Amino acid sequence: MKKGSLISIIIIILIIVALAGAGYYYSSYGSVDVYVTTGNSDPVYLTVTSIMLHSKSGQWITVSNATKTVLLSSNLSFLASSTVPAGNYTEVRLVISSATVTIGGINLSITVPSGVIKIPIIKGGLKVSGGSTAKLEILIGPHLITTGNGKYILSPVITAVQLS
């Protein structure tokens, strides 16, 4: 066999192996975009430091560890996007470092017990398919409890649902 033919065969084999690896990655991973919204009329600001998804197989997958402050409003606000393993996810966890509500023009700090909000993903969970993007909407219905000494605790009613 000629040296040039051998090199051509090796290059073709390397290309096939690379394409097979790319196809595996494409079918094994998808993307998820996470959004948040609310039905509350008072402005609520949340500073989120981590977003994680819980898979049906029991693993926690980190979507983002970037700190982002978001205004909860009736419009969808983008939180994060990430590539995650394809599969079904049943819960989302938000780690909150601070929260503020504006009532009557006054900004008030809100306590988030444990600093973590655990949210069930309803309607069968979040299905992420390989090579596609799933969108997750987190609907936060802020429920503020006054402690009697001028402080507020955030005890939200929250659900999450797949948009597409």
N, C-alpha and C. Protein backbone atom coordinates (compact mmCIF):
# COMPACT_ATOMS: atom_id res chain seq x y z
N MET A 1 0.86 -1.17 0.00
CA MET A 1 0.00 0.00 0.00
C MET A 1 0.90 1.23 0.00
N LYS A 2 0.54 2.20 -0.77
CA LYS A 2 1.32 3.43 -0.87
C LYS A 2 1.13 4.28 0.38
N LYS A 3 2.17 5.03 0.70
CA LYS A 3 2.15 5.89 1.88
C LYS A 3 1.02 6.92 1.80
N GLY A 4 0.78 7.48 0.59
CA GLY A 4 -0.30 8.45 0.40
C GLY A 4 -1.66 7.84 0.63
N SER A 5 -1.87 6.59 0.21
CA SER A 5 -3.15 5.90 0.41
C SER A 5 -3.40 5.62 1.88
N LEU A 6 -2.33 5.25 2.60
CA LEU A 6 -2.45 4.96 4.03
C LEU A 6 -2.84 6.23 4.79
N ILE A 7 -2.23 7.34 4.44
CA ILE A 7 -2.55 8.62 5.09
C ILE A 7 -4.00 9.00 4.79
N SER A 8 -4.46 8.80 3.57
CA SER A 8 -5.85 9.10 3.20
C SER A 8 -6.82 8.26 4.00
N ILE A 9 -6.51 6.98 4.19
CA ILE A 9 -7.39 6.08 4.96
C ILE A 9 -7.44 6.54 6.42
N ILE A 10 -6.31 6.91 6.98
CA ILE A 10 -6.26 7.36 8.38
C ILE A 10 -7.08 8.64 8.54
N ILE A 11 -6.97 9.57 7.60
CA ILE A 11 -7.74 10.82 7.67
C ILE A 11 -9.23 10.53 7.60
N ILE A 12 -9.64 9.62 6.70
CA ILE A 12 -11.06 9.26 6.58
C ILE A 12 -11.57 8.63 7.87
N ILE A 13 -10.77 7.76 8.49
CA ILE A 13 -11.18 7.12 9.75
C ILE A 13 -11.33 8.18 10.84
N LEU A 14 -10.39 9.12 10.92
CA LEU A 14 -10.47 10.19 11.93
C LEU A 14 -11.71 11.05 11.73
N ILE A 15 -12.05 11.35 10.49
CA ILE A 15 -13.26 12.13 10.21
C ILE A 15 -14.51 11.38 10.64
N ILE A 16 -14.57 10.08 10.37
CA ILE A 16 -15.73 9.26 10.76
C ILE A 16 -15.87 9.22 12.27
N VAL A 17 -14.75 9.02 12.96
CA VAL A 17 -14.78 8.99 14.43
C VAL A 17 -15.24 10.35 14.99
N ALA A 18 -14.75 11.45 14.42
CA ALA A 18 -15.15 12.78 14.89
C ALA A 18 -16.63 13.03 14.66
N LEU A 19 -17.14 12.63 13.51
CA LEU A 19 -18.57 12.81 13.22
C LEU A 19 -19.44 11.95 14.13
N ALA A 20 -18.98 10.74 14.42
CA ALA A 20 -19.75 9.87 15.33
C ALA A 20 -19.80 10.48 16.72
N GLY A 21 -18.68 11.05 17.19
CA GLY A 21 -18.65 11.70 18.50
C GLY A 21 -19.56 12.91 18.54
N ALA A 22 -19.57 13.71 17.48
CA ALA A 22 -20.44 14.88 17.42
C ALA A 22 -21.90 14.46 17.42
N GLY A 23 -22.23 13.38 16.73
CA GLY A 23 -23.61 12.89 16.70
C GLY A 23 -24.05 12.41 18.07
N TYR A 24 -23.15 11.75 18.82
CA TYR A 24 -23.48 11.30 20.17
C TYR A 24 -23.75 12.50 21.07
N TYR A 25 -22.89 13.52 21.00
CA TYR A 25 -23.08 14.71 21.83
C TYR A 25 -24.40 15.40 21.48
N TYR A 26 -24.69 15.50 20.20
CA TYR A 26 -25.91 16.16 19.75
C TYR A 26 -27.15 15.47 20.28
N SER A 27 -27.15 14.13 20.31
CA SER A 27 -28.33 13.40 20.76
C SER A 27 -28.38 13.22 22.27
N SER A 28 -27.26 13.43 22.96
CA SER A 28 -27.21 13.23 24.41
C SER A 28 -27.42 14.50 25.22
N TYR A 29 -27.32 15.65 24.56
CA TYR A 29 -27.44 16.91 25.27
C TYR A 29 -28.42 17.83 24.56
N GLY A 30 -29.12 18.62 25.35
CA GLY A 30 -30.01 19.64 24.82
C GLY A 30 -29.75 20.92 25.59
N SER A 31 -30.47 21.95 25.26
CA SER A 31 -30.33 23.23 25.95
C SER A 31 -31.60 23.53 26.73
N VAL A 32 -31.43 24.29 27.79
CA VAL A 32 -32.58 24.75 28.55
C VAL A 32 -32.44 26.25 28.77
N ASP A 33 -33.52 26.98 28.52
CA ASP A 33 -33.61 28.41 28.80
C ASP A 33 -34.58 28.57 29.97
N VAL A 34 -34.16 29.31 31.00
CA VAL A 34 -34.97 29.49 32.21
C VAL A 34 -35.45 30.94 32.28
N TYR A 35 -36.77 31.09 32.46
CA TYR A 35 -37.41 32.40 32.56
C TYR A 35 -38.20 32.46 33.87
N VAL A 36 -38.47 33.69 34.32
CA VAL A 36 -39.26 33.87 35.53
C VAL A 36 -40.30 34.96 35.27
N THR A 37 -41.46 34.82 35.90
CA THR A 37 -42.54 35.80 35.76
C THR A 37 -43.38 35.77 37.03
N THR A 38 -44.27 36.76 37.18
CA THR A 38 -45.14 36.83 38.35
C THR A 38 -46.45 37.51 37.99
N GLY A 39 -47.41 37.37 38.85
CA GLY A 39 -48.67 38.07 38.68
C GLY A 39 -48.81 39.20 39.69
N ASN A 40 -47.73 39.48 40.42
CA ASN A 40 -47.75 40.47 41.48
C ASN A 40 -47.64 41.88 40.91
N SER A 41 -48.33 42.84 41.52
CA SER A 41 -48.26 44.21 41.03
C SER A 41 -47.13 45.00 41.68
N ASP A 42 -46.70 44.62 42.89
CA ASP A 42 -45.59 45.31 43.55
C ASP A 42 -44.27 44.78 43.01
N PRO A 43 -43.33 45.68 42.67
CA PRO A 43 -42.05 45.22 42.15
C PRO A 43 -41.27 44.39 43.18
N VAL A 44 -40.84 43.20 42.76
CA VAL A 44 -40.03 42.33 43.61
C VAL A 44 -38.74 42.04 42.85
N TYR A 45 -37.61 42.27 43.51
CA TYR A 45 -36.30 41.99 42.92
C TYR A 45 -35.69 40.80 43.64
N LEU A 46 -35.26 39.80 42.88
CA LEU A 46 -34.59 38.64 43.44
C LEU A 46 -33.17 38.59 42.89
N THR A 47 -32.21 38.33 43.76
CA THR A 47 -30.85 38.09 43.31
C THR A 47 -30.60 36.59 43.43
N VAL A 48 -30.47 35.96 42.26
CA VAL A 48 -30.32 34.50 42.16
C VAL A 48 -28.84 34.20 41.96
N THR A 49 -28.29 33.30 42.78
CA THR A 49 -26.87 32.96 42.67
C THR A 49 -26.63 31.57 42.11
N SER A 50 -27.67 30.75 42.04
CA SER A 50 -27.51 29.42 41.48
C SER A 50 -28.87 28.88 41.03
N ILE A 51 -28.86 28.17 39.89
CA ILE A 51 -30.05 27.51 39.38
C ILE A 51 -29.67 26.07 39.09
N MET A 52 -30.44 25.13 39.65
CA MET A 52 -30.17 23.71 39.44
C MET A 52 -31.45 22.98 39.05
N LEU A 53 -31.29 21.93 38.26
CA LEU A 53 -32.41 21.08 37.87
C LEU A 53 -32.21 19.69 38.46
N HIS A 54 -33.31 19.07 38.90
CA HIS A 54 -33.26 17.71 39.43
C HIS A 54 -33.83 16.76 38.38
N SER A 55 -33.01 15.79 37.98
CA SER A 55 -33.45 14.84 36.95
C SER A 55 -34.22 13.69 37.59
N LYS A 56 -35.01 13.01 36.77
CA LYS A 56 -35.76 11.85 37.26
C LYS A 56 -34.82 10.77 37.76
N SER A 57 -33.58 10.74 37.23
CA SER A 57 -32.60 9.73 37.66
C SER A 57 -31.97 10.09 39.01
N GLY A 58 -32.32 11.26 39.56
CA GLY A 58 -31.85 11.61 40.90
C GLY A 58 -30.67 12.56 40.95
N GLN A 59 -30.15 12.97 39.82
CA GLN A 59 -29.00 13.87 39.79
C GLN A 59 -29.43 15.34 39.80
N TRP A 60 -28.61 16.17 40.42
CA TRP A 60 -28.78 17.62 40.35
C TRP A 60 -27.82 18.13 39.29
N ILE A 61 -28.34 18.90 38.34
CA ILE A 61 -27.56 19.46 37.25
C ILE A 61 -27.55 20.98 37.42
N THR A 62 -26.37 21.57 37.46
CA THR A 62 -26.26 23.02 37.58
C THR A 62 -26.50 23.68 36.24
N VAL A 63 -27.46 24.58 36.21
CA VAL A 63 -27.75 25.37 35.01
C VAL A 63 -26.88 26.62 35.01
N SER A 64 -26.76 27.26 36.18
CA SER A 64 -25.97 28.48 36.28
C SER A 64 -25.54 28.73 37.72
N ASN A 65 -24.32 29.22 37.88
CA ASN A 65 -23.84 29.71 39.18
C ASN A 65 -23.53 31.20 39.09
N ALA A 66 -24.01 31.84 38.04
CA ALA A 66 -23.80 33.28 37.87
C ALA A 66 -24.83 34.04 38.70
N THR A 67 -24.40 35.12 39.33
CA THR A 67 -25.31 35.96 40.11
C THR A 67 -26.06 36.89 39.17
N LYS A 68 -27.39 36.89 39.32
CA LYS A 68 -28.21 37.76 38.48
C LYS A 68 -29.38 38.29 39.30
N THR A 69 -29.60 39.60 39.23
CA THR A 69 -30.76 40.21 39.87
C THR A 69 -31.82 40.41 38.82
N VAL A 70 -33.02 39.95 39.14
CA VAL A 70 -34.12 40.01 38.18
C VAL A 70 -35.33 40.67 38.83
N LEU A 71 -36.01 41.50 38.04
CA LEU A 71 -37.26 42.12 38.47
C LEU A 71 -38.39 41.18 38.09
N LEU A 72 -39.17 40.78 39.07
CA LEU A 72 -40.33 39.94 38.78
C LEU A 72 -41.43 40.84 38.24
N SER A 73 -41.93 40.49 37.07
CA SER A 73 -43.02 41.26 36.46
C SER A 73 -43.91 40.30 35.69
N SER A 74 -44.94 40.85 35.07
CA SER A 74 -45.85 39.99 34.30
C SER A 74 -45.21 39.54 32.98
N ASN A 75 -44.09 40.16 32.59
CA ASN A 75 -43.36 39.73 31.40
C ASN A 75 -42.35 38.65 31.78
N LEU A 76 -42.02 37.78 30.83
CA LEU A 76 -40.99 36.78 31.07
C LEU A 76 -39.64 37.48 31.17
N SER A 77 -38.91 37.19 32.23
CA SER A 77 -37.56 37.72 32.40
C SER A 77 -36.59 36.56 32.29
N PHE A 78 -35.58 36.69 31.44
CA PHE A 78 -34.60 35.64 31.22
C PHE A 78 -33.69 35.51 32.43
N LEU A 79 -33.49 34.27 32.91
CA LEU A 79 -32.58 34.02 34.02
C LEU A 79 -31.27 33.41 33.55
N ALA A 80 -31.34 32.32 32.77
CA ALA A 80 -30.12 31.61 32.39
C ALA A 80 -30.40 30.64 31.26
N SER A 81 -29.33 30.20 30.64
CA SER A 81 -29.39 29.19 29.58
C SER A 81 -28.19 28.28 29.75
N SER A 82 -28.37 27.00 29.48
CA SER A 82 -27.26 26.07 29.63
C SER A 82 -27.51 24.81 28.80
N THR A 83 -26.43 24.10 28.54
CA THR A 83 -26.52 22.78 27.92
C THR A 83 -26.58 21.76 29.04
N VAL A 84 -27.56 20.87 28.96
CA VAL A 84 -27.76 19.86 30.01
C VAL A 84 -27.97 18.49 29.34
N PRO A 85 -27.75 17.41 30.09
CA PRO A 85 -28.02 16.10 29.52
C PRO A 85 -29.50 15.96 29.15
N ALA A 86 -29.77 15.31 28.03
CA ALA A 86 -31.16 15.05 27.63
C ALA A 86 -31.83 14.23 28.73
N GLY A 87 -33.11 14.48 28.97
CA GLY A 87 -33.82 13.73 29.99
C GLY A 87 -35.01 14.50 30.50
N ASN A 88 -35.61 13.97 31.57
CA ASN A 88 -36.78 14.58 32.18
C ASN A 88 -36.37 15.14 33.55
N TYR A 89 -36.73 16.38 33.80
CA TYR A 89 -36.39 17.06 35.05
C TYR A 89 -37.68 17.39 35.80
N THR A 90 -37.67 17.19 37.13
CA THR A 90 -38.89 17.29 37.92
C THR A 90 -38.92 18.46 38.90
N GLU A 91 -37.77 19.08 39.15
CA GLU A 91 -37.71 20.16 40.14
C GLU A 91 -36.61 21.13 39.75
N VAL A 92 -36.81 22.40 40.06
CA VAL A 92 -35.79 23.42 39.87
C VAL A 92 -35.53 24.05 41.24
N ARG A 93 -34.27 24.36 41.48
CA ARG A 93 -33.88 24.95 42.75
C ARG A 93 -33.19 26.28 42.48
N LEU A 94 -33.68 27.34 43.13
CA LEU A 94 -33.06 28.65 43.03
C LEU A 94 -32.40 28.99 44.36
N VAL A 95 -31.15 29.39 44.33
CA VAL A 95 -30.47 29.89 45.52
C VAL A 95 -30.55 31.41 45.45
N ILE A 96 -31.16 32.01 46.47
CA ILE A 96 -31.43 33.45 46.51
C ILE A 96 -30.53 34.11 47.55
N SER A 97 -29.74 35.11 47.13
CA SER A 97 -28.87 35.79 48.09
C SER A 97 -29.55 37.01 48.70
N SER A 98 -30.51 37.62 47.96
CA SER A 98 -31.25 38.75 48.52
C SER A 98 -32.55 38.94 47.75
N ALA A 99 -33.48 39.61 48.41
CA ALA A 99 -34.77 39.92 47.79
C ALA A 99 -35.26 41.24 48.34
N THR A 100 -35.88 42.03 47.45
CA THR A 100 -36.39 43.35 47.83
C THR A 100 -37.75 43.53 47.19
N VAL A 101 -38.67 44.14 47.92
CA VAL A 101 -39.98 44.49 47.38
C VAL A 101 -40.18 45.99 47.56
N THR A 102 -40.84 46.60 46.59
CA THR A 102 -41.17 48.02 46.69
C THR A 102 -42.67 48.14 46.97
N ILE A 103 -42.99 48.67 48.15
CA ILE A 103 -44.39 48.84 48.54
C ILE A 103 -44.60 50.32 48.88
N GLY A 104 -45.52 50.94 48.16
CA GLY A 104 -45.79 52.36 48.40
C GLY A 104 -44.57 53.23 48.18
N GLY A 105 -43.71 52.85 47.24
CA GLY A 105 -42.52 53.63 46.94
C GLY A 105 -41.35 53.40 47.88
N ILE A 106 -41.51 52.48 48.83
CA ILE A 106 -40.45 52.20 49.79
C ILE A 106 -39.89 50.81 49.52
N ASN A 107 -38.54 50.70 49.40
CA ASN A 107 -37.89 49.41 49.21
C ASN A 107 -37.72 48.71 50.55
N LEU A 108 -38.18 47.48 50.61
CA LEU A 108 -38.07 46.69 51.84
C LEU A 108 -37.33 45.39 51.54
N SER A 109 -36.38 45.05 52.41
CA SER A 109 -35.68 43.77 52.27
C SER A 109 -36.60 42.65 52.69
N ILE A 110 -36.50 41.54 51.97
CA ILE A 110 -37.33 40.38 52.27
C ILE A 110 -36.41 39.24 52.67
N THR A 111 -36.80 38.51 53.69
CA THR A 111 -36.07 37.32 54.10
C THR A 111 -36.59 36.13 53.30
N VAL A 112 -35.66 35.35 52.73
CA VAL A 112 -36.02 34.10 52.06
C VAL A 112 -35.52 32.98 52.97
N PRO A 113 -36.44 32.29 53.69
CA PRO A 113 -36.00 31.25 54.61
C PRO A 113 -35.09 30.24 53.91
N SER A 114 -33.97 29.95 54.49
CA SER A 114 -32.92 29.02 54.02
C SER A 114 -32.20 29.53 52.78
N GLY A 115 -32.68 30.61 52.17
CA GLY A 115 -32.03 31.14 50.98
C GLY A 115 -32.21 30.29 49.73
N VAL A 116 -33.06 29.27 49.83
CA VAL A 116 -33.28 28.35 48.71
C VAL A 116 -34.77 28.21 48.46
N ILE A 117 -35.15 28.28 47.19
CA ILE A 117 -36.54 28.04 46.82
C ILE A 117 -36.58 26.80 45.94
N LYS A 118 -37.33 25.79 46.39
CA LYS A 118 -37.47 24.53 45.65
C LYS A 118 -38.82 24.56 44.93
N ILE A 119 -38.78 24.30 43.62
CA ILE A 119 -39.96 24.48 42.79
C ILE A 119 -40.27 23.22 42.01
N PRO A 120 -41.46 22.64 42.19
CA PRO A 120 -41.82 21.48 41.36
C PRO A 120 -42.11 21.91 39.92
N ILE A 121 -41.69 21.09 38.98
CA ILE A 121 -42.01 21.35 37.58
C ILE A 121 -43.25 20.52 37.27
N ILE A 122 -44.37 21.21 37.02
CA ILE A 122 -45.66 20.53 36.86
C ILE A 122 -45.87 20.05 35.43
N LYS A 123 -46.99 19.39 35.22
CA LYS A 123 -47.41 18.88 33.91
C LYS A 123 -46.40 17.91 33.30
N GLY A 124 -45.88 17.01 34.11
CA GLY A 124 -44.99 15.98 33.60
C GLY A 124 -43.52 16.33 33.60
N GLY A 125 -43.16 17.48 34.13
CA GLY A 125 -41.76 17.85 34.21
C GLY A 125 -41.26 18.56 32.96
N LEU A 126 -39.96 18.81 32.97
CA LEU A 126 -39.28 19.46 31.85
C LEU A 126 -38.60 18.37 31.03
N LYS A 127 -39.00 18.26 29.78
CA LYS A 127 -38.42 17.25 28.89
C LYS A 127 -37.41 17.93 27.98
N VAL A 128 -36.13 17.56 28.14
CA VAL A 128 -35.06 18.10 27.31
C VAL A 128 -34.64 17.01 26.34
N SER A 129 -34.79 17.28 25.05
CA SER A 129 -34.41 16.33 24.01
C SER A 129 -33.04 16.71 23.45
N GLY A 130 -32.30 15.69 23.04
CA GLY A 130 -30.99 15.93 22.46
C GLY A 130 -31.08 16.82 21.23
N GLY A 131 -30.19 17.81 21.17
CA GLY A 131 -30.13 18.69 20.02
C GLY A 131 -31.21 19.75 19.94
N SER A 132 -32.03 19.90 20.98
CA SER A 132 -33.09 20.91 20.94
C SER A 132 -33.02 21.78 22.19
N THR A 133 -33.85 22.82 22.20
CA THR A 133 -33.89 23.74 23.34
C THR A 133 -35.27 23.67 24.00
N ALA A 134 -35.27 23.45 25.31
CA ALA A 134 -36.51 23.46 26.09
C ALA A 134 -36.56 24.76 26.87
N LYS A 135 -37.74 25.32 27.02
CA LYS A 135 -37.91 26.58 27.75
C LYS A 135 -38.71 26.29 29.02
N LEU A 136 -38.18 26.78 30.15
CA LEU A 136 -38.81 26.58 31.44
C LEU A 136 -39.27 27.92 32.00
N GLU A 137 -40.56 28.02 32.32
CA GLU A 137 -41.11 29.23 32.93
C GLU A 137 -41.34 28.96 34.42
N ILE A 138 -40.77 29.82 35.24
CA ILE A 138 -40.99 29.76 36.68
C ILE A 138 -41.97 30.87 37.02
N LEU A 139 -43.13 30.50 37.52
CA LEU A 139 -44.17 31.46 37.87
C LEU A 139 -44.16 31.65 39.39
N ILE A 140 -43.77 32.84 39.82
CA ILE A 140 -43.67 33.13 41.25
C ILE A 140 -44.83 34.02 41.65
N GLY A 141 -45.65 33.52 42.55
CA GLY A 141 -46.72 34.31 43.13
C GLY A 141 -46.26 34.73 44.51
N PRO A 142 -45.56 35.89 44.60
CA PRO A 142 -45.00 36.28 45.89
C PRO A 142 -46.09 36.39 46.96
N HIS A 143 -45.83 35.75 48.06
CA HIS A 143 -46.70 35.85 49.22
C HIS A 143 -45.84 36.41 50.33
N LEU A 144 -46.07 37.66 50.69
CA LEU A 144 -45.27 38.32 51.70
C LEU A 144 -45.95 38.24 53.05
N ILE A 145 -45.19 37.84 54.04
CA ILE A 145 -45.69 37.75 55.41
C ILE A 145 -44.96 38.79 56.24
N THR A 146 -45.72 39.63 56.94
CA THR A 146 -45.09 40.61 57.82
C THR A 146 -44.83 39.95 59.17
N THR A 147 -43.65 40.24 59.73
CA THR A 147 -43.27 39.63 61.00
C THR A 147 -43.76 40.45 62.18
N GLY A 148 -44.31 41.63 61.91
CA GLY A 148 -44.82 42.46 62.99
C GLY A 148 -43.81 43.50 63.45
N ASN A 149 -42.55 43.33 63.11
CA ASN A 149 -41.54 44.31 63.50
C ASN A 149 -40.97 45.04 62.29
N GLY A 150 -41.82 45.19 61.26
CA GLY A 150 -41.41 45.91 60.07
C GLY A 150 -40.63 45.09 59.06
N LYS A 151 -40.48 43.81 59.30
CA LYS A 151 -39.75 42.93 58.38
C LYS A 151 -40.75 42.05 57.64
N TYR A 152 -40.31 41.58 56.46
CA TYR A 152 -41.15 40.72 55.64
C TYR A 152 -40.42 39.42 55.32
N ILE A 153 -41.19 38.35 55.21
CA ILE A 153 -40.67 37.05 54.80
C ILE A 153 -41.34 36.68 53.50
N LEU A 154 -40.53 36.21 52.54
CA LEU A 154 -41.07 35.76 51.27
C LEU A 154 -41.46 34.29 51.41
N SER A 155 -42.75 34.02 51.30
CA SER A 155 -43.28 32.67 51.34
C SER A 155 -44.08 32.47 50.06
N PRO A 156 -43.36 32.29 48.94
CA PRO A 156 -44.04 32.33 47.64
C PRO A 156 -44.77 31.04 47.30
N VAL A 157 -45.76 31.20 46.45
CA VAL A 157 -46.41 30.06 45.81
C VAL A 157 -45.79 29.99 44.42
N ILE A 158 -45.05 28.92 44.14
CA ILE A 158 -44.27 28.87 42.91
C ILE A 158 -44.51 27.55 42.19
N THR A 159 -44.64 27.65 40.89
CA THR A 159 -44.65 26.46 40.04
C THR A 159 -43.76 26.74 38.84
N ALA A 160 -43.38 25.69 38.17
CA ALA A 160 -42.59 25.82 36.95
C ALA A 160 -43.24 24.92 35.91
N VAL A 161 -43.20 25.35 34.66
CA VAL A 161 -43.83 24.59 33.59
C VAL A 161 -43.01 24.77 32.31
N GLN A 162 -42.98 23.73 31.50
CA GLN A 162 -42.28 23.80 30.23
C GLN A 162 -43.08 24.61 29.23
N LEU A 163 -42.42 25.55 28.56
CA LEU A 163 -43.09 26.39 27.56
C LEU A 163 -43.08 25.73 26.18
N SER A 164 -41.98 25.08 25.84
CA SER A 164 -41.89 24.45 24.53
C SER A 164 -41.02 23.22 24.59
